[in-house]
Amino acid sequence: MAGNEDEAARIGHALVEERLAACVNILGPARSIYRWRDKIEDEREYLLVIKTRAGLYSKVERRVHELHSYEVPEVVALPMATASTPYLKWLLDSTVHVRRASAIR
């Protein structure tokens, strides 16, 4: 979640430009009610749905933390149960391939 649409767009553009994400959808405003520093907050926020490879999660998380104004931005990975072959090909073609250490030898 981002505090405003401009911040959400800035993060989305950076992730796609850097090929860390194939696509970022921005949904909102959404109403978020949560506890922060022992106080109940009730805010409007924008949800970013970031489509990327599982192997890029740590890089995406790090980059979101660098770009985000929140002290603790919400970065959650959800498994993809299934997707069409053309969509998966596009996602893979649109993102950076990360080689695993064992594959480098």
N, C-alpha and C. Protein backbone atom coordinates (compact mmCIF):
# COMPACT_ATOMS: atom_id res chain seq x y z
N MET A 1 0.83 -1.18 0.00
CA MET A 1 0.00 0.00 0.00
C MET A 1 0.88 1.24 0.00
N ALA A 2 0.44 2.24 -0.69
CA ALA A 2 1.12 3.54 -0.71
C ALA A 2 0.15 4.59 -0.20
N GLY A 3 0.67 5.64 0.38
CA GLY A 3 -0.15 6.68 0.97
C GLY A 3 -0.89 7.55 -0.03
N ASN A 4 -0.38 7.59 -1.27
CA ASN A 4 -1.08 8.37 -2.29
C ASN A 4 -0.78 7.78 -3.67
N GLU A 5 -1.57 8.20 -4.65
CA GLU A 5 -1.46 7.63 -5.99
C GLU A 5 -0.12 7.98 -6.66
N ASP A 6 0.39 9.18 -6.41
CA ASP A 6 1.67 9.58 -7.02
C ASP A 6 2.81 8.69 -6.54
N GLU A 7 2.83 8.40 -5.24
CA GLU A 7 3.88 7.52 -4.71
C GLU A 7 3.74 6.12 -5.29
N ALA A 8 2.51 5.62 -5.38
CA ALA A 8 2.27 4.30 -5.96
C ALA A 8 2.77 4.26 -7.41
N ALA A 9 2.48 5.29 -8.18
CA ALA A 9 2.91 5.35 -9.58
C ALA A 9 4.43 5.43 -9.69
N ARG A 10 5.04 6.20 -8.82
CA ARG A 10 6.51 6.33 -8.83
C ARG A 10 7.17 4.98 -8.56
N ILE A 11 6.66 4.25 -7.58
CA ILE A 11 7.20 2.93 -7.27
C ILE A 11 6.94 1.97 -8.43
N GLY A 12 5.73 1.98 -8.96
CA GLY A 12 5.40 1.11 -10.09
C GLY A 12 6.28 1.35 -11.30
N HIS A 13 6.45 2.62 -11.66
CA HIS A 13 7.31 2.95 -12.81
C HIS A 13 8.73 2.47 -12.59
N ALA A 14 9.27 2.69 -11.40
CA ALA A 14 10.65 2.28 -11.11
C ALA A 14 10.81 0.77 -11.24
N LEU A 15 9.89 0.00 -10.69
CA LEU A 15 10.00 -1.46 -10.75
C LEU A 15 9.91 -1.99 -12.17
N VAL A 16 9.03 -1.41 -12.98
CA VAL A 16 8.91 -1.86 -14.38
C VAL A 16 10.11 -1.39 -15.19
N GLU A 17 10.53 -0.14 -15.02
CA GLU A 17 11.69 0.37 -15.76
C GLU A 17 12.95 -0.43 -15.45
N GLU A 18 13.10 -0.86 -14.19
CA GLU A 18 14.29 -1.62 -13.78
C GLU A 18 14.14 -3.12 -14.06
N ARG A 19 13.04 -3.51 -14.70
CA ARG A 19 12.75 -4.90 -15.07
C ARG A 19 12.68 -5.82 -13.86
N LEU A 20 12.31 -5.24 -12.70
CA LEU A 20 12.06 -6.05 -11.50
C LEU A 20 10.62 -6.54 -11.49
N ALA A 21 9.76 -5.90 -12.28
CA ALA A 21 8.36 -6.32 -12.40
C ALA A 21 7.95 -6.21 -13.86
N ALA A 22 7.08 -7.13 -14.27
CA ALA A 22 6.53 -7.07 -15.63
C ALA A 22 5.39 -6.06 -15.69
N CYS A 23 4.67 -5.94 -14.58
CA CYS A 23 3.49 -5.08 -14.52
C CYS A 23 3.22 -4.71 -13.07
N VAL A 24 2.73 -3.51 -12.85
CA VAL A 24 2.27 -3.09 -11.53
C VAL A 24 0.89 -2.47 -11.71
N ASN A 25 -0.10 -3.07 -11.07
CA ASN A 25 -1.45 -2.50 -11.06
C ASN A 25 -1.60 -1.66 -9.80
N ILE A 26 -2.23 -0.50 -9.95
CA ILE A 26 -2.48 0.38 -8.80
C ILE A 26 -3.98 0.43 -8.60
N LEU A 27 -4.43 -0.02 -7.45
CA LEU A 27 -5.85 -0.08 -7.12
C LEU A 27 -6.14 0.85 -5.96
N GLY A 28 -7.22 1.58 -6.07
CA GLY A 28 -7.57 2.42 -4.94
C GLY A 28 -8.29 3.67 -5.37
N PRO A 29 -8.58 4.51 -4.45
CA PRO A 29 -8.12 4.37 -3.06
C PRO A 29 -8.86 3.27 -2.33
N ALA A 30 -8.15 2.65 -1.40
CA ALA A 30 -8.71 1.64 -0.52
C ALA A 30 -8.69 2.20 0.90
N ARG A 31 -9.62 1.80 1.70
CA ARG A 31 -9.64 2.24 3.09
C ARG A 31 -8.95 1.18 3.92
N SER A 32 -7.91 1.57 4.64
CA SER A 32 -7.15 0.65 5.48
C SER A 32 -7.32 1.05 6.94
N ILE A 33 -7.71 0.10 7.74
CA ILE A 33 -7.83 0.29 9.19
C ILE A 33 -6.82 -0.65 9.83
N TYR A 34 -5.88 -0.10 10.57
CA TYR A 34 -4.78 -0.90 11.11
C TYR A 34 -4.25 -0.28 12.39
N ARG A 35 -3.50 -1.09 13.13
CA ARG A 35 -2.86 -0.62 14.35
C ARG A 35 -1.43 -0.21 14.04
N TRP A 36 -1.05 0.99 14.45
CA TRP A 36 0.31 1.47 14.26
C TRP A 36 0.72 2.25 15.50
N ARG A 37 1.78 1.78 16.13
CA ARG A 37 2.30 2.40 17.35
C ARG A 37 1.21 2.56 18.41
N ASP A 38 0.49 1.46 18.60
CA ASP A 38 -0.55 1.33 19.61
C ASP A 38 -1.72 2.28 19.43
N LYS A 39 -1.96 2.69 18.19
CA LYS A 39 -3.08 3.57 17.86
C LYS A 39 -3.79 2.98 16.63
N ILE A 40 -5.11 3.06 16.60
CA ILE A 40 -5.87 2.59 15.44
C ILE A 40 -5.87 3.70 14.39
N GLU A 41 -5.40 3.36 13.18
CA GLU A 41 -5.36 4.29 12.06
C GLU A 41 -6.48 3.93 11.08
N ASP A 42 -6.99 4.92 10.39
CA ASP A 42 -8.03 4.73 9.38
C ASP A 42 -7.67 5.65 8.23
N GLU A 43 -7.04 5.09 7.19
CA GLU A 43 -6.45 5.89 6.11
C GLU A 43 -6.88 5.39 4.74
N ARG A 44 -6.77 6.27 3.77
CA ARG A 44 -6.92 5.90 2.36
C ARG A 44 -5.52 5.58 1.83
N GLU A 45 -5.44 4.46 1.12
CA GLU A 45 -4.15 4.03 0.56
C GLU A 45 -4.39 3.47 -0.83
N TYR A 46 -3.29 3.23 -1.54
CA TYR A 46 -3.33 2.65 -2.88
C TYR A 46 -2.55 1.33 -2.86
N LEU A 47 -3.21 0.27 -3.32
CA LEU A 47 -2.61 -1.06 -3.34
C LEU A 47 -1.85 -1.26 -4.64
N LEU A 48 -0.62 -1.72 -4.54
CA LEU A 48 0.18 -2.07 -5.71
C LEU A 48 0.20 -3.59 -5.84
N VAL A 49 -0.22 -4.10 -6.98
CA VAL A 49 -0.13 -5.53 -7.27
C VAL A 49 1.02 -5.66 -8.26
N ILE A 50 2.11 -6.24 -7.78
CA ILE A 50 3.36 -6.31 -8.54
C ILE A 50 3.53 -7.72 -9.09
N LYS A 51 3.61 -7.84 -10.42
CA LYS A 51 3.79 -9.14 -11.05
C LYS A 51 5.27 -9.31 -11.40
N THR A 52 5.88 -10.35 -10.81
CA THR A 52 7.30 -10.58 -11.02
C THR A 52 7.62 -12.06 -10.84
N ARG A 53 8.88 -12.40 -11.04
CA ARG A 53 9.37 -13.76 -10.80
C ARG A 53 9.59 -13.97 -9.31
N ALA A 54 9.40 -15.18 -8.84
CA ALA A 54 9.66 -15.49 -7.43
C ALA A 54 11.11 -15.18 -7.07
N GLY A 55 12.02 -15.42 -8.00
CA GLY A 55 13.44 -15.19 -7.74
C GLY A 55 13.81 -13.72 -7.57
N LEU A 56 12.91 -12.82 -7.93
CA LEU A 56 13.18 -11.39 -7.79
C LEU A 56 12.57 -10.79 -6.53
N TYR A 57 11.90 -11.62 -5.73
CA TYR A 57 11.21 -11.09 -4.55
C TYR A 57 12.11 -10.23 -3.67
N SER A 58 13.28 -10.72 -3.31
CA SER A 58 14.14 -9.96 -2.39
C SER A 58 14.58 -8.63 -2.99
N LYS A 59 14.84 -8.59 -4.30
CA LYS A 59 15.21 -7.34 -4.96
C LYS A 59 14.04 -6.37 -5.00
N VAL A 60 12.84 -6.89 -5.29
CA VAL A 60 11.64 -6.05 -5.30
C VAL A 60 11.39 -5.50 -3.90
N GLU A 61 11.47 -6.36 -2.89
CA GLU A 61 11.27 -5.91 -1.51
C GLU A 61 12.26 -4.80 -1.13
N ARG A 62 13.52 -5.02 -1.45
CA ARG A 62 14.55 -4.01 -1.14
C ARG A 62 14.26 -2.69 -1.85
N ARG A 63 13.88 -2.77 -3.12
CA ARG A 63 13.62 -1.55 -3.90
C ARG A 63 12.39 -0.82 -3.39
N VAL A 64 11.34 -1.55 -3.02
CA VAL A 64 10.15 -0.91 -2.46
C VAL A 64 10.53 -0.18 -1.18
N HIS A 65 11.32 -0.80 -0.32
CA HIS A 65 11.76 -0.14 0.91
C HIS A 65 12.55 1.13 0.62
N GLU A 66 13.36 1.12 -0.43
CA GLU A 66 14.14 2.31 -0.79
C GLU A 66 13.24 3.44 -1.29
N LEU A 67 12.20 3.11 -2.02
CA LEU A 67 11.35 4.11 -2.67
C LEU A 67 10.17 4.58 -1.83
N HIS A 68 9.79 3.80 -0.84
CA HIS A 68 8.54 4.02 -0.10
C HIS A 68 8.72 5.00 1.05
N SER A 69 7.69 5.78 1.32
CA SER A 69 7.74 6.74 2.43
C SER A 69 7.39 6.09 3.78
N TYR A 70 6.75 4.94 3.75
CA TYR A 70 6.37 4.27 5.00
C TYR A 70 7.60 3.66 5.67
N GLU A 71 7.59 3.67 6.98
CA GLU A 71 8.65 3.01 7.75
C GLU A 71 8.60 1.50 7.55
N VAL A 72 7.37 0.95 7.44
CA VAL A 72 7.18 -0.48 7.25
C VAL A 72 6.19 -0.68 6.10
N PRO A 73 6.67 -0.60 4.85
CA PRO A 73 5.75 -0.82 3.74
C PRO A 73 5.30 -2.28 3.68
N GLU A 74 4.09 -2.47 3.19
CA GLU A 74 3.54 -3.82 3.04
C GLU A 74 4.10 -4.46 1.77
N VAL A 75 4.89 -5.52 1.96
CA VAL A 75 5.42 -6.28 0.83
C VAL A 75 5.13 -7.74 1.15
N VAL A 76 4.19 -8.32 0.40
CA VAL A 76 3.73 -9.68 0.65
C VAL A 76 3.75 -10.44 -0.68
N ALA A 77 4.28 -11.65 -0.66
CA ALA A 77 4.28 -12.48 -1.87
C ALA A 77 3.17 -13.51 -1.77
N LEU A 78 2.42 -13.66 -2.86
CA LEU A 78 1.37 -14.67 -2.95
C LEU A 78 1.74 -15.64 -4.06
N PRO A 79 1.56 -16.93 -3.84
CA PRO A 79 1.91 -17.89 -4.89
C PRO A 79 0.92 -17.81 -6.06
N MET A 80 1.45 -18.03 -7.25
CA MET A 80 0.62 -18.07 -8.45
C MET A 80 0.22 -19.53 -8.66
N ALA A 81 -1.04 -19.83 -8.51
CA ALA A 81 -1.51 -21.21 -8.66
C ALA A 81 -1.33 -21.69 -10.09
N THR A 82 -1.72 -20.86 -11.04
CA THR A 82 -1.59 -21.21 -12.45
C THR A 82 -1.75 -19.94 -13.27
N ALA A 83 -1.26 -19.98 -14.47
CA ALA A 83 -1.40 -18.86 -15.40
C ALA A 83 -1.24 -19.39 -16.81
N SER A 84 -1.76 -18.66 -17.77
CA SER A 84 -1.64 -19.11 -19.16
C SER A 84 -0.19 -19.07 -19.60
N THR A 85 0.16 -19.95 -20.50
CA THR A 85 1.52 -20.03 -21.03
C THR A 85 1.96 -18.72 -21.68
N PRO A 86 1.13 -18.07 -22.51
CA PRO A 86 1.56 -16.80 -23.10
C PRO A 86 1.81 -15.72 -22.04
N TYR A 87 0.97 -15.69 -20.99
CA TYR A 87 1.16 -14.70 -19.94
C TYR A 87 2.48 -14.95 -19.20
N LEU A 88 2.75 -16.21 -18.86
CA LEU A 88 4.01 -16.53 -18.16
C LEU A 88 5.22 -16.18 -19.03
N LYS A 89 5.13 -16.46 -20.31
CA LYS A 89 6.24 -16.12 -21.21
C LYS A 89 6.47 -14.61 -21.21
N TRP A 90 5.40 -13.84 -21.31
CA TRP A 90 5.51 -12.38 -21.28
C TRP A 90 6.12 -11.91 -19.96
N LEU A 91 5.66 -12.46 -18.83
CA LEU A 91 6.20 -12.07 -17.53
C LEU A 91 7.69 -12.35 -17.46
N LEU A 92 8.09 -13.54 -17.90
CA LEU A 92 9.50 -13.90 -17.85
C LEU A 92 10.33 -13.04 -18.80
N ASP A 93 9.80 -12.77 -20.00
CA ASP A 93 10.51 -11.93 -20.97
C ASP A 93 10.64 -10.48 -20.50
N SER A 94 9.73 -10.04 -19.63
CA SER A 94 9.68 -8.65 -19.20
C SER A 94 10.48 -8.36 -17.93
N THR A 95 11.01 -9.41 -17.32
CA THR A 95 11.75 -9.23 -16.07
C THR A 95 13.16 -9.79 -16.20
N VAL A 96 14.00 -9.36 -15.29
CA VAL A 96 15.39 -9.79 -15.27
C VAL A 96 15.48 -11.22 -14.76
N HIS A 97 16.23 -12.04 -15.45
CA HIS A 97 16.46 -13.41 -14.99
C HIS A 97 17.57 -13.40 -13.95
N VAL A 98 17.31 -14.03 -12.81
CA VAL A 98 18.30 -14.11 -11.74
C VAL A 98 18.85 -15.53 -11.71
N ARG A 99 20.15 -15.67 -11.91
CA ARG A 99 20.75 -17.00 -11.88
C ARG A 99 21.01 -17.40 -10.44
N ARG A 100 20.77 -18.63 -10.12
CA ARG A 100 21.05 -19.15 -8.77
C ARG A 100 22.53 -19.47 -8.67
N ALA A 101 23.07 -19.37 -7.47
CA ALA A 101 24.49 -19.62 -7.23
C ALA A 101 24.90 -21.01 -7.73
N SER A 102 24.06 -22.03 -7.53
CA SER A 102 24.40 -23.39 -7.95
C SER A 102 24.48 -23.51 -9.47
N ALA A 103 23.75 -22.67 -10.20
CA ALA A 103 23.75 -22.72 -11.65
C ALA A 103 24.95 -22.00 -12.25
N ILE A 104 25.65 -21.21 -11.46
CA ILE A 104 26.78 -20.42 -11.96
C ILE A 104 28.04 -21.25 -12.08
N ARG A 105 28.18 -22.28 -11.29
CA ARG A 105 29.41 -23.10 -11.29
C ARG A 105 29.79 -23.64 -12.60
